[in-house]
Amino acid sequence: LYAYAWSRELAKTVFQRFKRDGLFNRE
């Protein structure tokens, strides 16, 4: 069950790139 917490941190890290590049950036 702890994996949800780890997944959340990984997802937030990856999502930072979308925040930087644009949420709907095709590339």
PDB file of all heavy atoms in Angstrom:
ATOM      1  N   LEU A   1       0.825  -1.205   0.000  1.00  0.00           N
ATOM      2  CA  LEU A   1       0.000   0.000   0.000  1.00  0.00           C
ATOM      3  C   LEU A   1       0.863   1.260   0.000  1.00  0.00           C
ATOM      4  O   LEU A   1       0.509   2.269  -0.592  1.00  0.00           O
ATOM      5  CB  LEU A   1      -0.941  -0.013   1.204  1.00  0.00           C
ATOM      6  CG  LEU A   1      -1.961   1.107   1.320  1.00  0.00           C
ATOM      7  CD1 LEU A   1      -2.827   1.171   0.077  1.00  0.00           C
ATOM      8  CD2 LEU A   1      -2.831   0.908   2.542  1.00  0.00           C
ATOM      9  N   TYR A   2       2.031   1.194   0.630  1.00  0.00           N
ATOM     10  CA  TYR A   2       2.943   2.338   0.665  1.00  0.00           C
ATOM     11  C   TYR A   2       3.306   2.817  -0.740  1.00  0.00           C
ATOM     12  O   TYR A   2       3.709   3.967  -0.945  1.00  0.00           O
ATOM     13  CB  TYR A   2       4.233   1.969   1.407  1.00  0.00           C
ATOM     14  CG  TYR A   2       5.102   1.053   0.579  1.00  0.00           C
ATOM     15  CD1 TYR A   2       6.056   1.554  -0.288  1.00  0.00           C
ATOM     16  CD2 TYR A   2       4.904  -0.328   0.608  1.00  0.00           C
ATOM     17  CE1 TYR A   2       6.816   0.715  -1.090  1.00  0.00           C
ATOM     18  CE2 TYR A   2       5.652  -1.171  -0.194  1.00  0.00           C
ATOM     19  CZ  TYR A   2       6.598  -0.644  -1.038  1.00  0.00           C
ATOM     20  OH  TYR A   2       7.324  -1.462  -1.849  1.00  0.00           O
ATOM     21  N   ALA A   3       3.190   1.948  -1.734  1.00  0.00           N
ATOM     22  CA  ALA A   3       3.592   2.294  -3.097  1.00  0.00           C
ATOM     23  C   ALA A   3       2.816   3.492  -3.630  1.00  0.00           C
ATOM     24  O   ALA A   3       3.306   4.207  -4.498  1.00  0.00           O
ATOM     25  CB  ALA A   3       3.422   1.092  -4.020  1.00  0.00           C
ATOM     26  N   TYR A   4       1.601   3.710  -3.128  1.00  0.00           N
ATOM     27  CA  TYR A   4       0.855   4.893  -3.548  1.00  0.00           C
ATOM     28  C   TYR A   4       1.633   6.160  -3.216  1.00  0.00           C
ATOM     29  O   TYR A   4       1.682   7.097  -4.007  1.00  0.00           O
ATOM     30  CB  TYR A   4      -0.513   4.955  -2.866  1.00  0.00           C
ATOM     31  CG  TYR A   4      -1.572   4.161  -3.556  1.00  0.00           C
ATOM     32  CD1 TYR A   4      -2.038   2.981  -3.012  1.00  0.00           C
ATOM     33  CD2 TYR A   4      -2.130   4.596  -4.759  1.00  0.00           C
ATOM     34  CE1 TYR A   4      -3.031   2.250  -3.639  1.00  0.00           C
ATOM     35  CE2 TYR A   4      -3.122   3.875  -5.384  1.00  0.00           C
ATOM     36  CZ  TYR A   4      -3.570   2.701  -4.818  1.00  0.00           C
ATOM     37  OH  TYR A   4      -4.549   1.976  -5.434  1.00  0.00           O
ATOM     38  N   ALA A   5       2.218   6.207  -2.029  1.00  0.00           N
ATOM     39  CA  ALA A   5       2.976   7.396  -1.627  1.00  0.00           C
ATOM     40  C   ALA A   5       4.190   7.592  -2.533  1.00  0.00           C
ATOM     41  O   ALA A   5       4.485   8.711  -2.970  1.00  0.00           O
ATOM     42  CB  ALA A   5       3.408   7.286  -0.171  1.00  0.00           C
ATOM     43  N   TRP A   6       4.909   6.523  -2.815  1.00  0.00           N
ATOM     44  CA  TRP A   6       6.072   6.609  -3.685  1.00  0.00           C
ATOM     45  C   TRP A   6       5.643   6.986  -5.103  1.00  0.00           C
ATOM     46  O   TRP A   6       6.266   7.835  -5.749  1.00  0.00           O
ATOM     47  CB  TRP A   6       6.832   5.287  -3.663  1.00  0.00           C
ATOM     48  CG  TRP A   6       8.085   5.314  -4.466  1.00  0.00           C
ATOM     49  CD1 TRP A   6       8.412   4.463  -5.482  1.00  0.00           C
ATOM     50  CD2 TRP A   6       9.193   6.216  -4.349  1.00  0.00           C
ATOM     51  NE1 TRP A   6       9.654   4.783  -5.999  1.00  0.00           N
ATOM     52  CE2 TRP A   6      10.147   5.861  -5.321  1.00  0.00           C
ATOM     53  CE3 TRP A   6       9.463   7.302  -3.521  1.00  0.00           C
ATOM     54  CZ2 TRP A   6      11.346   6.544  -5.490  1.00  0.00           C
ATOM     55  CZ3 TRP A   6      10.663   7.985  -3.691  1.00  0.00           C
ATOM     56  CH2 TRP A   6      11.591   7.596  -4.661  1.00  0.00           C
ATOM     57  N   SER A   7       4.568   6.396  -5.593  1.00  0.00           N
ATOM     58  CA  SER A   7       4.056   6.728  -6.926  1.00  0.00           C
ATOM     59  C   SER A   7       3.696   8.203  -7.017  1.00  0.00           C
ATOM     60  O   SER A   7       3.936   8.851  -8.036  1.00  0.00           O
ATOM     61  CB  SER A   7       2.823   5.895  -7.256  1.00  0.00           C
ATOM     62  OG  SER A   7       3.139   4.546  -7.332  1.00  0.00           O
ATOM     63  N   ARG A   8       3.094   8.725  -5.960  1.00  0.00           N
ATOM     64  CA  ARG A   8       2.705  10.136  -5.937  1.00  0.00           C
ATOM     65  C   ARG A   8       3.928  11.039  -6.077  1.00  0.00           C
ATOM     66  O   ARG A   8       3.915  12.011  -6.829  1.00  0.00           O
ATOM     67  CB  ARG A   8       1.956  10.457  -4.642  1.00  0.00           C
ATOM     68  CG  ARG A   8       1.366  11.846  -4.610  1.00  0.00           C
ATOM     69  CD  ARG A   8       0.517  12.087  -3.366  1.00  0.00           C
ATOM     70  NE  ARG A   8      -0.536  11.099  -3.250  1.00  0.00           N
ATOM     71  CZ  ARG A   8      -0.669  10.269  -2.206  1.00  0.00           C
ATOM     72  NH1 ARG A   8       0.170  10.317  -1.200  1.00  0.00           N
ATOM     73  NH2 ARG A   8      -1.650   9.396  -2.168  1.00  0.00           N
ATOM     74  N   GLU A   9       4.997  10.699  -5.378  1.00  0.00           N
ATOM     75  CA  GLU A   9       6.220  11.510  -5.476  1.00  0.00           C
ATOM     76  C   GLU A   9       6.838  11.423  -6.864  1.00  0.00           C
ATOM     77  O   GLU A   9       7.286  12.426  -7.415  1.00  0.00           O
ATOM     78  CB  GLU A   9       7.222  11.089  -4.401  1.00  0.00           C
ATOM     79  CG  GLU A   9       6.756  11.388  -2.988  1.00  0.00           C
ATOM     80  CD  GLU A   9       6.275  12.823  -2.802  1.00  0.00           C
ATOM     81  OE1 GLU A   9       7.015  13.755  -3.205  1.00  0.00           O
ATOM     82  OE2 GLU A   9       5.167  13.024  -2.281  1.00  0.00           O
ATOM     83  N   LEU A  10       6.872  10.231  -7.425  1.00  0.00           N
ATOM     84  CA  LEU A  10       7.402  10.068  -8.776  1.00  0.00           C
ATOM     85  C   LEU A  10       6.557  10.845  -9.790  1.00  0.00           C
ATOM     86  O   LEU A  10       7.095  11.512 -10.681  1.00  0.00           O
ATOM     87  CB  LEU A  10       7.455   8.590  -9.156  1.00  0.00           C
ATOM     88  CG  LEU A  10       8.421   7.723  -8.360  1.00  0.00           C
ATOM     89  CD1 LEU A  10       8.236   6.248  -8.727  1.00  0.00           C
ATOM     90  CD2 LEU A  10       9.857   8.158  -8.573  1.00  0.00           C
ATOM     91  N   ALA A  11       5.244  10.768  -9.643  1.00  0.00           N
ATOM     92  CA  ALA A  11       4.344  11.463 -10.563  1.00  0.00           C
ATOM     93  C   ALA A  11       4.523  12.972 -10.470  1.00  0.00           C
ATOM     94  O   ALA A  11       4.537  13.670 -11.494  1.00  0.00           O
ATOM     95  CB  ALA A  11       2.898  11.073 -10.278  1.00  0.00           C
ATOM     96  N   LYS A  12       4.659  13.490  -9.272  1.00  0.00           N
ATOM     97  CA  LYS A  12       4.871  14.931  -9.108  1.00  0.00           C
ATOM     98  C   LYS A  12       6.182  15.362  -9.760  1.00  0.00           C
ATOM     99  O   LYS A  12       6.261  16.420 -10.380  1.00  0.00           O
ATOM    100  CB  LYS A  12       4.868  15.315  -7.631  1.00  0.00           C
ATOM    101  CG  LYS A  12       3.499  15.291  -7.009  1.00  0.00           C
ATOM    102  CD  LYS A  12       3.577  15.642  -5.533  1.00  0.00           C
ATOM    103  CE  LYS A  12       2.223  15.584  -4.875  1.00  0.00           C
ATOM    104  NZ  LYS A  12       2.315  15.903  -3.444  1.00  0.00           N
ATOM    105  N   THR A  13       7.200  14.542  -9.635  1.00  0.00           N
ATOM    106  CA  THR A  13       8.487  14.844 -10.259  1.00  0.00           C
ATOM    107  C   THR A  13       8.353  14.902 -11.775  1.00  0.00           C
ATOM    108  O   THR A  13       8.834  15.830 -12.424  1.00  0.00           O
ATOM    109  CB  THR A  13       9.537  13.787  -9.854  1.00  0.00           C
ATOM    110  OG1 THR A  13       9.686  13.814  -8.435  1.00  0.00           O
ATOM    111  CG2 THR A  13      10.869  14.047 -10.513  1.00  0.00           C
ATOM    112  N   VAL A  14       7.694  13.912 -12.363  1.00  0.00           N
ATOM    113  CA  VAL A  14       7.497  13.873 -13.810  1.00  0.00           C
ATOM    114  C   VAL A  14       6.615  15.042 -14.259  1.00  0.00           C
ATOM    115  O   VAL A  14       6.878  15.680 -15.284  1.00  0.00           O
ATOM    116  CB  VAL A  14       6.897  12.520 -14.238  1.00  0.00           C
ATOM    117  CG1 VAL A  14       6.367  12.562 -15.660  1.00  0.00           C
ATOM    118  CG2 VAL A  14       7.937  11.424 -14.084  1.00  0.00           C
ATOM    119  N   PHE A  15       5.586  15.350 -13.487  1.00  0.00           N
ATOM    120  CA  PHE A  15       4.646  16.409 -13.873  1.00  0.00           C
ATOM    121  C   PHE A  15       5.312  17.784 -13.886  1.00  0.00           C
ATOM    122  O   PHE A  15       4.850  18.688 -14.599  1.00  0.00           O
ATOM    123  CB  PHE A  15       3.428  16.401 -12.954  1.00  0.00           C
ATOM    124  CG  PHE A  15       2.276  17.190 -13.487  1.00  0.00           C
ATOM    125  CD1 PHE A  15       1.595  16.756 -14.612  1.00  0.00           C
ATOM    126  CD2 PHE A  15       1.877  18.364 -12.885  1.00  0.00           C
ATOM    127  CE1 PHE A  15       0.535  17.482 -15.125  1.00  0.00           C
ATOM    128  CE2 PHE A  15       0.822  19.099 -13.384  1.00  0.00           C
ATOM    129  CZ  PHE A  15       0.141  18.656 -14.509  1.00  0.00           C
ATOM    130  N   GLN A  16       6.392  17.943 -13.138  1.00  0.00           N
ATOM    131  CA  GLN A  16       7.110  19.219 -13.153  1.00  0.00           C
ATOM    132  C   GLN A  16       7.548  19.585 -14.567  1.00  0.00           C
ATOM    133  O   GLN A  16       7.562  20.758 -14.940  1.00  0.00           O
ATOM    134  CB  GLN A  16       8.321  19.175 -12.215  1.00  0.00           C
ATOM    135  CG  GLN A  16       7.957  19.166 -10.741  1.00  0.00           C
ATOM    136  CD  GLN A  16       7.110  20.355 -10.352  1.00  0.00           C
ATOM    137  OE1 GLN A  16       7.403  21.487 -10.699  1.00  0.00           O
ATOM    138  NE2 GLN A  16       6.039  20.087  -9.618  1.00  0.00           N
ATOM    139  N   ARG A  17       7.898  18.589 -15.361  1.00  0.00           N
ATOM    140  CA  ARG A  17       8.292  18.885 -16.743  1.00  0.00           C
ATOM    141  C   ARG A  17       7.112  19.440 -17.529  1.00  0.00           C
ATOM    142  O   ARG A  17       7.272  20.356 -18.344  1.00  0.00           O
ATOM    143  CB  ARG A  17       8.868  17.643 -17.430  1.00  0.00           C
ATOM    144  CG  ARG A  17       9.270  17.945 -18.858  1.00  0.00           C
ATOM    145  CD  ARG A  17      10.071  16.875 -19.515  1.00  0.00           C
ATOM    146  NE  ARG A  17      10.196  17.179 -20.943  1.00  0.00           N
ATOM    147  CZ  ARG A  17      10.624  16.322 -21.832  1.00  0.00           C
ATOM    148  NH1 ARG A  17      11.026  15.115 -21.470  1.00  0.00           N
ATOM    149  NH2 ARG A  17      10.682  16.655 -23.106  1.00  0.00           N
ATOM    150  N   PHE A  18       5.918  18.910 -17.293  1.00  0.00           N
ATOM    151  CA  PHE A  18       4.738  19.437 -17.979  1.00  0.00           C
ATOM    152  C   PHE A  18       4.430  20.853 -17.503  1.00  0.00           C
ATOM    153  O   PHE A  18       4.028  21.703 -18.297  1.00  0.00           O
ATOM    154  CB  PHE A  18       3.534  18.514 -17.776  1.00  0.00           C
ATOM    155  CG  PHE A  18       3.591  17.310 -18.646  1.00  0.00           C
ATOM    156  CD1 PHE A  18       4.123  16.115 -18.172  1.00  0.00           C
ATOM    157  CD2 PHE A  18       3.138  17.355 -19.948  1.00  0.00           C
ATOM    158  CE1 PHE A  18       4.195  15.002 -18.979  1.00  0.00           C
ATOM    159  CE2 PHE A  18       3.202  16.242 -20.765  1.00  0.00           C
ATOM    160  CZ  PHE A  18       3.735  15.069 -20.280  1.00  0.00           C
ATOM    161  N   LYS A  19       4.643  21.114 -16.239  1.00  0.00           N
ATOM    162  CA  LYS A  19       4.441  22.477 -15.740  1.00  0.00           C
ATOM    163  C   LYS A  19       5.422  23.441 -16.421  1.00  0.00           C
ATOM    164  O   LYS A  19       5.064  24.563 -16.757  1.00  0.00           O
ATOM    165  CB  LYS A  19       4.631  22.537 -14.230  1.00  0.00           C
ATOM    166  CG  LYS A  19       3.470  21.984 -13.450  1.00  0.00           C
ATOM    167  CD  LYS A  19       3.761  22.127 -11.971  1.00  0.00           C
ATOM    168  CE  LYS A  19       2.539  21.933 -11.138  1.00  0.00           C
ATOM    169  NZ  LYS A  19       2.834  22.108  -9.704  1.00  0.00           N
ATOM    170  N   ARG A  20       6.624  22.980 -16.613  1.00  0.00           N
ATOM    171  CA  ARG A  20       7.653  23.804 -17.246  1.00  0.00           C
ATOM    172  C   ARG A  20       7.388  23.987 -18.741  1.00  0.00           C
ATOM    173  O   ARG A  20       7.461  25.088 -19.269  1.00  0.00           O
ATOM    174  CB  ARG A  20       9.027  23.166 -17.035  1.00  0.00           C
ATOM    175  CG  ARG A  20      10.187  24.013 -17.575  1.00  0.00           C
ATOM    176  CD  ARG A  20      11.502  23.271 -17.538  1.00  0.00           C
ATOM    177  NE  ARG A  20      11.498  22.264 -18.605  1.00  0.00           N
ATOM    178  CZ  ARG A  20      11.969  21.036 -18.475  1.00  0.00           C
ATOM    179  NH1 ARG A  20      12.502  20.633 -17.341  1.00  0.00           N
ATOM    180  NH2 ARG A  20      11.929  20.188 -19.484  1.00  0.00           N
ATOM    181  N   ASP A  21       7.063  22.887 -19.440  1.00  0.00           N
ATOM    182  CA  ASP A  21       6.915  22.911 -20.893  1.00  0.00           C
ATOM    183  C   ASP A  21       5.510  23.292 -21.355  1.00  0.00           C
ATOM    184  O   ASP A  21       5.323  23.620 -22.523  1.00  0.00           O
ATOM    185  CB  ASP A  21       7.240  21.540 -21.491  1.00  0.00           C
ATOM    186  CG  ASP A  21       8.673  21.121 -21.262  1.00  0.00           C
ATOM    187  OD1 ASP A  21       9.489  21.943 -20.808  1.00  0.00           O
ATOM    188  OD2 ASP A  21       8.983  19.933 -21.526  1.00  0.00           O
ATOM    189  N   GLY A  22       4.541  23.181 -20.469  1.00  0.00           N
ATOM    190  CA  GLY A  22       3.137  23.415 -20.821  1.00  0.00           C
ATOM    191  C   GLY A  22       2.351  22.135 -20.623  1.00  0.00           C
ATOM    192  O   GLY A  22       2.778  21.071 -21.084  1.00  0.00           O
ATOM    193  N   LEU A  23       1.213  22.251 -19.961  1.00  0.00           N
ATOM    194  CA  LEU A  23       0.430  21.059 -19.613  1.00  0.00           C
ATOM    195  C   LEU A  23      -0.019  20.255 -20.825  1.00  0.00           C
ATOM    196  O   LEU A  23      -0.197  19.050 -20.732  1.00  0.00           O
ATOM    197  CB  LEU A  23      -0.804  21.441 -18.794  1.00  0.00           C
ATOM    198  CG  LEU A  23      -0.549  22.050 -17.432  1.00  0.00           C
ATOM    199  CD1 LEU A  23      -1.874  22.297 -16.720  1.00  0.00           C
ATOM    200  CD2 LEU A  23       0.349  21.174 -16.594  1.00  0.00           C
ATOM    201  N   PHE A  24      -0.187  20.923 -21.947  1.00  0.00           N
ATOM    202  CA  PHE A  24      -0.691  20.242 -23.136  1.00  0.00           C
ATOM    203  C   PHE A  24       0.341  20.263 -24.263  1.00  0.00           C
ATOM    204  O   PHE A  24      -0.015  20.190 -25.432  1.00  0.00           O
ATOM    205  CB  PHE A  24      -2.012  20.873 -23.580  1.00  0.00           C
ATOM    206  CG  PHE A  24      -3.024  20.917 -22.461  1.00  0.00           C
ATOM    207  CD1 PHE A  24      -3.329  22.113 -21.835  1.00  0.00           C
ATOM    208  CD2 PHE A  24      -3.635  19.768 -22.010  1.00  0.00           C
ATOM    209  CE1 PHE A  24      -4.244  22.155 -20.797  1.00  0.00           C
ATOM    210  CE2 PHE A  24      -4.548  19.792 -20.976  1.00  0.00           C
ATOM    211  CZ  PHE A  24      -4.854  20.993 -20.363  1.00  0.00           C
ATOM    212  N   ASN A  25       1.614  20.330 -23.886  1.00  0.00           N
ATOM    213  CA  ASN A  25       2.691  20.367 -24.863  1.00  0.00           C
ATOM    214  C   ASN A  25       2.808  19.014 -25.562  1.00  0.00           C
ATOM    215  O   ASN A  25       3.044  17.990 -24.931  1.00  0.00           O
ATOM    216  CB  ASN A  25       4.011  20.726 -24.172  1.00  0.00           C
ATOM    217  CG  ASN A  25       5.153  20.852 -25.134  1.00  0.00           C
ATOM    218  OD1 ASN A  25       5.574  19.866 -25.747  1.00  0.00           O
ATOM    219  ND2 ASN A  25       5.680  22.060 -25.264  1.00  0.00           N
ATOM    220  N   ARG A  26       2.642  19.032 -26.882  1.00  0.00           N
ATOM    221  CA  ARG A  26       2.627  17.802 -27.670  1.00  0.00           C
ATOM    222  C   ARG A  26       3.953  17.047 -27.589  1.00  0.00           C
ATOM    223  O   ARG A  26       3.977  15.827 -27.446  1.00  0.00           O
ATOM    224  CB  ARG A  26       2.289  18.138 -29.116  1.00  0.00           C
ATOM    225  CG  ARG A  26       2.186  16.969 -30.028  1.00  0.00           C
ATOM    226  CD  ARG A  26       1.863  17.435 -31.459  1.00  0.00           C
ATOM    227  NE  ARG A  26       1.357  16.368 -32.260  1.00  0.00           N
ATOM    228  CZ  ARG A  26       0.082  15.994 -32.324  1.00  0.00           C
ATOM    229  NH1 ARG A  26      -0.823  16.620 -31.615  1.00  0.00           N
ATOM    230  NH2 ARG A  26      -0.286  14.993 -33.096  1.00  0.00           N
ATOM    231  N   GLU A  27       5.072  17.762 -27.693  1.00  0.00           N
ATOM    232  CA  GLU A  27       6.388  17.115 -27.665  1.00  0.00           C
ATOM    233  C   GLU A  27       6.659  16.458 -26.312  1.00  0.00           C
ATOM    234  O   GLU A  27       7.217  15.356 -26.244  1.00  0.00           O
ATOM    235  CB  GLU A  27       7.496  18.115 -28.007  1.00  0.00           C
ATOM    236  CG  GLU A  27       7.499  18.565 -29.465  1.00  0.00           C
ATOM    237  CD  GLU A  27       6.449  19.648 -29.758  1.00  0.00           C
ATOM    238  OE1 GLU A  27       6.030  20.370 -28.810  1.00  0.00           O
ATOM    239  OE2 GLU A  27       6.024  19.751 -30.920  1.00  0.00           O
TER     240      GLU A  27
END
